[in-house]
Amino acid sequence: MDFTGEIARLLGEKTCIVAVGNSIRRDDGVGLYLAEEIEKCAGAERVDIVHAEDIIESYVFEIANRDCANVLIMDAVQTAGEPGTLVFGPMDELKTLVSNYSTHKLSLTLACKIWRERGKKAYLLGIEAADVDFGVGLTQTVKKSADAIKDIIIETLHSTRKEYVYEQ
């Protein structure tokens, strides 16, 4: 899958970015880190971001009622992959991954079911965690990957905005 092209497609439509994680469990906070950085660099008016942290179930219906076609979940994952590895795709295609490796597996599965019933498509943008023990700050490897993804998303948001303006 062409990550950059698919992100551009998603962000060209109304998309709600949902940041999941726990910032005091090292790399588990990568989704929150990404959301904060995107808001700072892209501007709050360009993105619809929900900081769900580790209680996504509290935001499920609020997100379901938002005017958006897509939900992009940013979270840490733990698979057998190398730390910092990107996992991206539609949640329907990543059910096994989420069921086995997300630290928020039950909540994500149920949330996606509700969103799908409301006509929204859910996607996961996950980064392989190196350390989810208690502590503050991302590991170097995960932060490097997160910063690369952040730059792609911010560039995409800026270019998508330009295309929108030129089309009108």
Protein backbone atom coordinates (compact mmCIF):
# COMPACT_ATOMS: atom_id res chain seq x y z
CA MET A 1 0.00 0.00 0.00
CA ASP A 2 1.23 3.47 -0.87
CA PHE A 3 1.24 5.09 2.57
CA THR A 4 1.68 8.67 1.42
CA GLY A 5 -0.97 8.38 -1.30
CA GLU A 6 -3.48 6.75 1.02
CA ILE A 7 -2.88 9.37 3.75
CA ALA A 8 -3.38 12.11 1.14
CA ARG A 9 -6.62 10.49 0.03
CA LEU A 10 -7.88 10.20 3.62
CA LEU A 11 -6.94 13.74 4.59
CA GLY A 12 -8.46 15.06 1.38
CA GLU A 13 -11.80 13.90 2.79
CA LYS A 14 -13.30 14.83 6.15
CA THR A 15 -11.30 12.77 8.61
CA CYS A 16 -11.28 12.67 12.38
CA ILE A 17 -7.88 11.83 13.83
CA VAL A 18 -8.16 9.91 17.10
CA ALA A 19 -5.08 9.89 19.33
CA VAL A 20 -4.98 6.80 21.53
CA GLY A 21 -2.43 5.96 24.19
CA ASN A 22 -1.00 6.69 27.60
CA SER A 23 1.72 9.33 27.81
CA ILE A 24 3.16 7.91 31.04
CA ARG A 25 3.81 4.53 29.45
CA ARG A 26 6.67 5.59 27.19
CA ASP A 27 5.97 4.56 23.56
CA ASP A 28 2.28 3.93 24.27
CA GLY A 29 1.96 7.71 24.07
CA VAL A 30 3.05 7.90 20.42
CA GLY A 31 -0.48 8.57 19.15
CA LEU A 32 -0.87 11.46 21.58
CA TYR A 33 2.54 12.84 20.59
CA LEU A 34 1.60 12.74 16.90
CA ALA A 35 -1.72 14.50 17.50
CA GLU A 36 -0.12 17.28 19.55
CA GLU A 37 2.59 17.85 16.95
CA ILE A 38 0.10 17.87 14.07
CA GLU A 39 -2.09 20.40 15.86
CA LYS A 40 0.89 22.68 16.52
CA CYS A 41 2.20 22.57 12.96
CA ALA A 42 -0.91 22.20 10.85
CA GLY A 43 -3.23 24.41 12.85
CA ALA A 44 -6.35 23.35 14.69
CA GLU A 45 -8.61 24.57 11.86
CA ARG A 46 -7.09 22.07 9.41
CA VAL A 47 -7.64 18.92 11.43
CA ASP A 48 -10.34 17.41 13.58
CA ILE A 49 -8.45 15.71 16.40
CA VAL A 50 -9.78 13.83 19.42
CA HIS A 51 -7.31 13.11 22.24
CA ALA A 52 -8.96 9.90 23.46
CA GLU A 53 -5.89 8.77 25.42
CA ASP A 54 -6.56 5.31 26.87
CA ILE A 55 -10.33 5.74 27.20
CA ILE A 56 -11.49 5.68 23.58
CA GLU A 57 -14.82 4.23 24.69
CA SER A 58 -15.69 7.64 26.22
CA TYR A 59 -15.44 9.26 22.77
CA VAL A 60 -16.96 6.61 20.50
CA PHE A 61 -20.39 8.17 20.09
CA GLU A 62 -19.04 11.73 19.91
CA ILE A 63 -16.82 10.61 17.01
CA ALA A 64 -19.68 8.63 15.47
CA ASN A 65 -21.78 11.81 15.38
CA ARG A 66 -19.07 13.99 13.81
CA ASP A 67 -19.29 15.11 10.22
CA CYS A 68 -16.50 12.97 8.78
CA ALA A 69 -16.14 10.08 6.38
CA ASN A 70 -13.06 8.55 7.98
CA VAL A 71 -11.57 7.94 11.40
CA LEU A 72 -7.78 7.67 11.57
CA ILE A 73 -6.64 6.07 14.82
CA MET A 74 -3.06 6.81 15.85
CA ASP A 75 -1.73 4.36 18.39
CA ALA A 76 1.21 2.23 19.45
CA VAL A 77 1.18 -1.44 18.49
CA GLN A 78 3.14 -4.40 19.76
CA THR A 79 3.75 -7.11 17.19
CA ALA A 80 6.86 -9.09 16.38
CA GLY A 81 8.08 -6.20 14.24
CA GLU A 82 11.05 -3.93 14.76
CA PRO A 83 10.46 -0.92 17.03
CA GLY A 84 9.47 2.11 14.99
CA THR A 85 7.88 0.04 12.20
CA LEU A 86 4.75 1.57 10.72
CA VAL A 87 1.45 -0.33 10.58
CA PHE A 88 -1.18 1.31 8.41
CA GLY A 89 -4.43 0.25 6.81
CA PRO A 90 -8.19 -0.10 7.13
CA MET A 91 -9.21 -1.50 10.51
CA ASP A 92 -11.30 -4.17 8.79
CA GLU A 93 -8.10 -5.54 7.23
CA LEU A 94 -6.13 -5.23 10.48
CA LYS A 95 -8.64 -6.92 12.83
CA THR A 96 -6.25 -9.74 13.67
CA LEU A 97 -3.43 -7.31 14.36
CA VAL A 98 -5.59 -5.15 16.64
CA SER A 99 -7.08 -8.16 18.40
CA ASN A 100 -3.68 -9.60 19.17
CA TYR A 101 -1.34 -6.65 19.53
CA SER A 102 -3.03 -3.36 20.40
CA THR A 103 -3.00 -2.40 24.06
CA HIS A 104 -6.54 -1.08 23.51
CA LYS A 105 -7.84 -4.06 21.53
CA LEU A 106 -11.37 -4.51 22.87
CA SER A 107 -12.15 -0.80 22.89
CA LEU A 108 -10.84 -0.31 19.34
CA THR A 109 -12.76 -3.28 17.98
CA LEU A 110 -16.05 -2.11 19.45
CA ALA A 111 -15.44 1.52 18.48
CA CYS A 112 -14.79 0.55 14.87
CA LYS A 113 -17.97 -1.52 14.78
CA ILE A 114 -20.02 1.48 15.93
CA TRP A 115 -18.32 3.84 13.47
CA ARG A 116 -18.84 1.38 10.61
CA GLU A 117 -22.57 1.24 11.51
CA ARG A 118 -22.60 5.07 11.20
CA GLY A 119 -21.04 4.91 7.72
CA LYS A 120 -17.48 5.81 8.68
CA LYS A 121 -14.35 4.00 7.57
CA ALA A 122 -11.75 3.45 10.29
CA TYR A 123 -8.01 3.24 9.68
CA LEU A 124 -5.12 2.46 11.98
CA LEU A 125 -1.82 4.27 11.86
CA GLY A 126 0.26 2.38 14.38
CA ILE A 127 3.91 2.49 15.30
CA GLU A 128 5.64 -0.55 16.75
CA ALA A 129 6.48 0.25 20.38
CA ALA A 130 9.84 -0.55 21.93
CA ASP A 131 8.93 0.20 25.57
CA VAL A 132 5.47 0.52 27.16
CA ASP A 133 6.61 0.40 30.77
CA PHE A 134 5.91 3.33 33.05
CA GLY A 135 7.99 6.36 32.17
CA VAL A 136 7.77 9.61 30.26
CA GLY A 137 8.94 10.25 26.71
CA LEU A 138 9.18 8.17 23.58
CA THR A 139 12.16 5.95 22.87
CA GLN A 140 14.52 7.36 20.27
CA THR A 141 13.53 4.85 17.57
CA VAL A 142 9.80 5.40 17.99
CA LYS A 143 10.19 9.20 18.14
CA LYS A 144 12.22 9.14 14.91
CA SER A 145 9.45 7.19 13.14
CA ALA A 146 6.75 9.40 14.64
CA ASP A 147 8.53 12.54 13.47
CA ALA A 148 8.83 11.18 9.93
CA ILE A 149 5.11 10.33 9.87
CA LYS A 150 4.23 13.70 11.40
CA ASP A 151 6.14 15.48 8.62
CA ILE A 152 4.30 13.48 5.94
CA ILE A 153 0.90 14.23 7.49
CA ILE A 154 1.62 17.94 7.94
CA GLU A 155 2.94 18.26 4.39
CA THR A 156 -0.14 16.43 3.14
CA LEU A 157 -2.49 18.66 5.12
CA HIS A 158 -0.84 21.76 3.71
CA SER A 159 -0.87 20.49 0.13
CA THR A 160 -4.44 19.20 0.44
CA ARG A 161 -5.50 22.65 1.62
CA LYS A 162 -3.83 24.29 -1.37
CA GLU A 163 -5.54 21.92 -3.79
CA TYR A 164 -8.89 22.67 -2.13
CA VAL A 165 -8.37 26.41 -2.44
CA TYR A 166 -7.32 26.16 -6.10
CA GLU A 167 -10.31 24.04 -7.05
CA GLN A 168 -12.86 26.62 -5.89
